[in-house]
Protein backbone atom coordinates (compact mmCIF):
# COMPACT_ATOMS: atom_id res chain seq x y z
CA UNK A 1 -12.23 -10.93 70.01
CA UNK A 2 -9.39 -9.34 68.07
CA UNK A 3 -8.42 -11.08 64.83
CA UNK A 4 -4.90 -12.53 65.33
CA UNK A 5 -4.22 -12.10 61.63
CA UNK A 6 -4.22 -8.36 62.20
CA UNK A 7 -0.80 -8.73 63.81
CA UNK A 8 0.69 -10.40 60.72
CA UNK A 9 2.46 -8.00 58.41
CA UNK A 10 3.33 -9.06 54.87
CA UNK A 11 6.60 -7.81 53.40
CA UNK A 12 6.22 -4.71 51.28
CA UNK A 13 6.66 -4.87 47.53
CA UNK A 14 10.33 -4.56 46.60
CA UNK A 15 11.57 -5.30 50.12
CA UNK A 16 14.60 -7.60 50.50
CA UNK A 17 12.50 -10.12 52.45
CA UNK A 18 9.87 -10.38 49.73
CA UNK A 19 12.54 -10.70 47.04
CA UNK A 20 14.22 -13.50 49.04
CA UNK A 21 10.91 -15.34 49.41
CA UNK A 22 10.19 -15.05 45.70
CA UNK A 23 13.71 -16.21 44.80
CA UNK A 24 13.39 -19.25 47.07
CA UNK A 25 10.02 -20.10 45.53
CA UNK A 26 11.53 -19.91 42.04
CA UNK A 27 14.44 -22.16 43.03
CA UNK A 28 12.14 -24.75 44.59
CA UNK A 29 9.90 -24.64 41.54
CA UNK A 30 12.90 -25.12 39.24
CA UNK A 31 14.17 -28.06 41.30
CA UNK A 32 10.76 -29.70 41.26
CA UNK A 33 10.41 -29.20 37.51
CA UNK A 34 13.78 -30.88 36.87
CA UNK A 35 12.34 -34.37 37.07
CA UNK A 36 11.02 -36.85 34.55
CA UNK A 37 8.67 -39.81 34.49
CA UNK A 38 9.49 -43.38 33.50
CA UNK A 39 6.50 -45.37 32.29
CA UNK A 40 5.76 -48.47 30.29
CA UNK A 41 4.38 -51.98 30.26
CA UNK A 42 5.78 -55.20 31.73
CA UNK A 43 4.69 -58.68 30.78
CA UNK A 44 6.03 -62.23 31.03
CA UNK A 45 6.71 -64.85 28.40
CA UNK A 46 7.24 -68.52 29.22
CA UNK A 47 9.02 -71.33 27.41
CA UNK A 48 6.93 -73.20 24.87
CA UNK A 49 6.08 -76.75 25.89
CA UNK A 50 6.76 -79.60 23.44
CA UNK A 51 3.75 -80.32 21.24
CA UNK A 52 3.12 -83.73 22.84
CA UNK A 53 3.13 -82.12 26.31
CA UNK A 54 0.87 -79.16 25.58
CA UNK A 55 -2.49 -78.53 27.23
CA UNK A 56 -4.77 -81.44 26.55
CA UNK A 57 -3.04 -84.72 25.74
CA UNK A 58 -1.26 -85.96 28.86
CA UNK A 59 -2.91 -83.21 30.93
CA UNK A 60 -6.29 -84.82 30.35
CA UNK A 61 -5.14 -88.04 32.01
CA UNK A 62 -6.14 -88.88 35.57
CA UNK A 63 -2.51 -88.75 36.67
CA UNK A 64 -1.84 -85.15 35.57
CA UNK A 65 -5.25 -83.48 35.42
CA UNK A 66 -4.54 -81.62 38.66
CA UNK A 67 -1.18 -80.31 37.44
CA UNK A 68 -1.95 -76.64 36.89
CA UNK A 69 0.07 -74.94 34.17
CA UNK A 70 1.28 -71.36 34.47
CA UNK A 71 -0.31 -68.84 32.17
CA UNK A 72 2.47 -66.29 31.79
CA UNK A 73 0.11 -63.83 30.15
CA UNK A 74 -1.81 -63.67 33.41
CA UNK A 75 1.16 -62.99 35.69
CA UNK A 76 0.78 -59.74 37.66
CA UNK A 77 2.55 -57.76 40.37
CA UNK A 78 5.69 -56.70 38.52
CA UNK A 79 7.90 -54.15 40.28
CA UNK A 80 9.99 -51.68 38.27
CA UNK A 81 12.61 -49.62 40.10
CA UNK A 82 15.77 -47.57 39.74
CA UNK A 83 18.60 -49.83 40.87
CA UNK A 84 21.98 -48.96 42.39
CA UNK A 85 21.04 -45.53 43.75
CA UNK A 86 20.78 -44.99 47.49
CA UNK A 87 18.96 -41.99 48.96
CA UNK A 88 18.43 -40.89 52.54
CA UNK A 89 15.69 -42.55 54.55
CA UNK A 90 12.63 -40.35 55.09
CA UNK A 91 12.78 -38.45 58.39
CA UNK A 92 9.26 -39.61 59.19
CA UNK A 93 9.06 -43.36 58.44
CA UNK A 94 6.16 -44.08 56.06
CA UNK A 95 3.59 -46.60 57.24
CA UNK A 96 2.12 -49.18 54.84
CA UNK A 97 -0.56 -51.80 55.51
CA UNK A 98 -0.76 -55.47 54.52
CA UNK A 99 -4.14 -56.84 55.57
CA UNK A 100 -4.98 -60.42 56.44
CA UNK A 101 -8.46 -61.00 55.05
CA UNK A 102 -10.16 -64.05 53.58
CA UNK A 103 -7.11 -66.12 54.58
CA UNK A 104 -5.02 -64.00 52.20
CA UNK A 105 -2.42 -61.27 52.51
CA UNK A 106 -3.61 -58.12 50.70
CA UNK A 107 -1.68 -56.92 48.77
CA UNK A 108 0.37 -60.01 48.05
CA UNK A 109 3.34 -58.06 46.67
CA UNK A 110 4.46 -54.73 48.12
CA UNK A 111 7.54 -52.64 47.21
CA UNK A 112 8.63 -50.21 49.95
CA UNK A 113 11.55 -47.94 50.68
CA UNK A 114 14.08 -48.73 53.39
CA UNK A 115 12.80 -47.41 56.72
CA UNK A 116 9.14 -48.17 56.03
CA UNK A 117 6.97 -49.58 58.82
CA UNK A 118 4.34 -52.15 57.82
CA UNK A 119 1.22 -52.79 59.87
CA UNK A 120 -0.42 -56.24 59.77
CA UNK A 121 -4.11 -56.02 60.78
CA UNK A 122 -6.02 -59.32 60.93
CA UNK A 123 -9.57 -58.78 59.63
CA UNK A 124 -10.54 -62.46 59.79
CA UNK A 125 -12.40 -63.98 62.72
CA UNK A 126 -9.70 -66.62 63.12
CA UNK A 127 -6.12 -66.40 64.31
CA UNK A 128 -3.24 -65.82 61.92
CA UNK A 129 0.52 -65.77 62.37
CA UNK A 130 2.91 -63.59 60.37
CA UNK A 131 6.56 -64.62 60.11
CA UNK A 132 9.60 -64.48 57.83
CA UNK A 133 12.93 -66.31 57.72
CA UNK A 134 14.35 -64.16 54.91
CA UNK A 135 17.91 -62.92 55.26
CA UNK A 136 16.91 -59.26 54.88
CA UNK A 137 14.41 -59.49 57.76
CA UNK A 138 13.45 -62.24 60.19
CA UNK A 139 10.49 -61.88 62.52
CA UNK A 140 7.61 -63.76 64.14
CA UNK A 141 4.46 -61.90 65.17
CA UNK A 142 2.97 -64.94 66.91
CA UNK A 143 -0.78 -65.73 66.82
CA UNK A 144 -3.22 -62.82 67.03
CA UNK A 145 -6.45 -61.37 65.67
CA UNK A 146 -8.46 -58.14 65.82
CA UNK A 147 -8.31 -55.68 67.51
CA UNK A 148 -4.57 -56.28 67.97
CA UNK A 149 -2.34 -54.90 65.20
CA UNK A 150 1.33 -55.78 64.88
CA UNK A 151 3.99 -53.54 63.25
CA UNK A 152 7.38 -54.32 61.73
CA UNK A 153 10.06 -51.83 60.56
CA UNK A 154 11.99 -52.78 57.41
CA UNK A 155 15.45 -51.24 57.64
CA UNK A 156 17.49 -53.37 55.23
CA UNK A 157 17.07 -53.70 51.45
CA UNK A 158 16.16 -57.07 49.95
CA UNK A 159 13.40 -59.53 49.23
CA UNK A 160 11.34 -60.73 52.19
CA UNK A 161 8.99 -63.71 51.91
CA UNK A 162 6.25 -63.75 54.53
CA UNK A 163 4.03 -66.66 55.58
CA UNK A 164 1.35 -67.68 58.06
CA UNK A 165 2.36 -70.70 60.15
CA UNK A 166 -1.23 -71.99 60.22
CA UNK A 167 -2.53 -71.57 56.65
CA UNK A 168 -0.60 -73.02 53.70
CA UNK A 169 -2.01 -70.64 51.06
CA UNK A 170 -1.05 -67.45 52.91
CA UNK A 171 2.13 -65.81 51.63
CA UNK A 172 3.28 -62.42 50.43
CA UNK A 173 6.48 -60.76 49.23
CA UNK A 174 7.95 -57.44 50.36
CA UNK A 175 10.64 -55.84 48.18
CA UNK A 176 12.60 -53.30 50.26
CA UNK A 177 14.34 -50.77 48.01
CA UNK A 178 16.96 -48.06 48.57
CA UNK A 179 15.24 -45.10 46.92
CA UNK A 180 11.67 -43.86 46.26
CA UNK A 181 11.76 -44.38 42.48
CA UNK A 182 9.76 -47.54 42.02
CA UNK A 183 6.29 -48.67 40.99
CA UNK A 184 4.08 -51.74 41.17
CA UNK A 185 2.40 -52.58 37.86
CA UNK A 186 -1.37 -52.47 37.56
CA UNK A 187 -3.63 -55.31 36.37
CA UNK A 188 -2.65 -54.66 32.73
CA UNK A 189 1.09 -54.50 33.40
CA UNK A 190 1.34 -50.70 33.22
CA UNK A 191 3.66 -48.82 35.56
CA UNK A 192 4.69 -45.20 36.11
CA UNK A 193 7.57 -43.80 38.19
CA UNK A 194 7.34 -40.04 38.71
CA UNK A 195 9.70 -37.32 39.94
CA UNK A 196 12.90 -39.05 38.83
CA UNK A 197 15.83 -36.59 38.68
CA UNK A 198 17.41 -36.35 35.21
CA UNK A 199 20.35 -38.67 34.62
CA UNK A 200 21.47 -42.12 33.50
CA UNK A 201 20.17 -45.05 35.55
CA UNK A 202 19.84 -48.80 35.63
CA UNK A 203 16.13 -49.59 35.52
CA UNK A 204 15.18 -53.05 36.77
CA UNK A 205 11.96 -55.02 36.24
CA UNK A 206 11.30 -57.71 38.87
CA UNK A 207 8.85 -60.56 39.40
CA UNK A 208 8.90 -63.03 42.25
CA UNK A 209 9.25 -66.13 40.04
CA UNK A 210 11.29 -64.84 37.09
CA UNK A 211 14.84 -63.53 36.57
CA UNK A 212 14.96 -59.75 36.77
CA UNK A 213 15.78 -57.70 33.68
CA UNK A 214 17.83 -54.49 33.72
CA UNK A 215 18.01 -51.73 31.12
CA UNK A 216 20.12 -48.58 31.08
CA UNK A 217 17.96 -45.51 30.64
CA UNK A 218 18.50 -41.76 30.34
CA UNK A 219 15.81 -39.79 32.17
CA UNK A 220 15.07 -36.32 30.74
CA UNK A 221 14.74 -33.17 32.84
CA UNK A 222 11.02 -33.22 32.10
CA UNK A 223 8.57 -35.28 30.14
CA UNK A 224 8.06 -39.03 29.98
CA UNK A 225 10.43 -41.82 29.02
CA UNK A 226 8.78 -45.03 27.78
CA UNK A 227 10.48 -48.31 28.75
CA UNK A 228 8.80 -51.70 28.23
CA UNK A 229 9.97 -55.05 29.60
CA UNK A 230 9.40 -58.70 28.71
CA UNK A 231 10.47 -61.09 31.47
CA UNK A 232 11.14 -64.76 30.89
CA UNK A 233 13.37 -67.69 31.86
CA UNK A 234 16.51 -66.07 30.46
CA UNK A 235 20.18 -65.57 31.34
CA UNK A 236 20.32 -68.44 33.82
CA UNK A 237 23.31 -70.84 33.89
CA UNK A 238 22.85 -74.19 32.16
CA UNK A 239 23.60 -77.42 33.99
């Protein structure tokens, strides 16, 4: 059998075609290199309780011993993203997966770009239901289990709270964003957003139960910009 590659002729050295290819490669390389990284750490800080209402004391009484206090140092799943910049939707919609396993949605918080399709496989041996009444997206996937897999496209930005109509502890949050420059923090609060074009942006840190915090940042053409956030109960109106 004749090798098909024998019919392929590479442009000769110095030919206009080869020079055009090399020029295009240099341009693409330059464009790709003109991008920076935003990285840092996000953590939460709560309000201090009055001394007489701190852990112990009243919390040791029969009446309040089941009142679980929030440990802000243990809060996770922060999302950091470039706000106020809209980019085109990807031509091929990305597909993400939120699994139902152990009567839990995994992951429980997921940032995605507008246009993303999310699949909802049920890996438990019992039925689950997936639904949302959020303004940005309302849907009801009814009751189902494996091997059936349901899919939902998310075509509008916003926060979407998702629940199971059968199990009270099952909930998750989807944050639909307008550009690809976002990151979910890891277990230690670290985040990293790569390939951000140079420029001035509003960088927002978000958590599902705290007010968001925005900082203006200037992203360099290359290298890393460090931006840390501390979220708390701040900047809310008093009543």
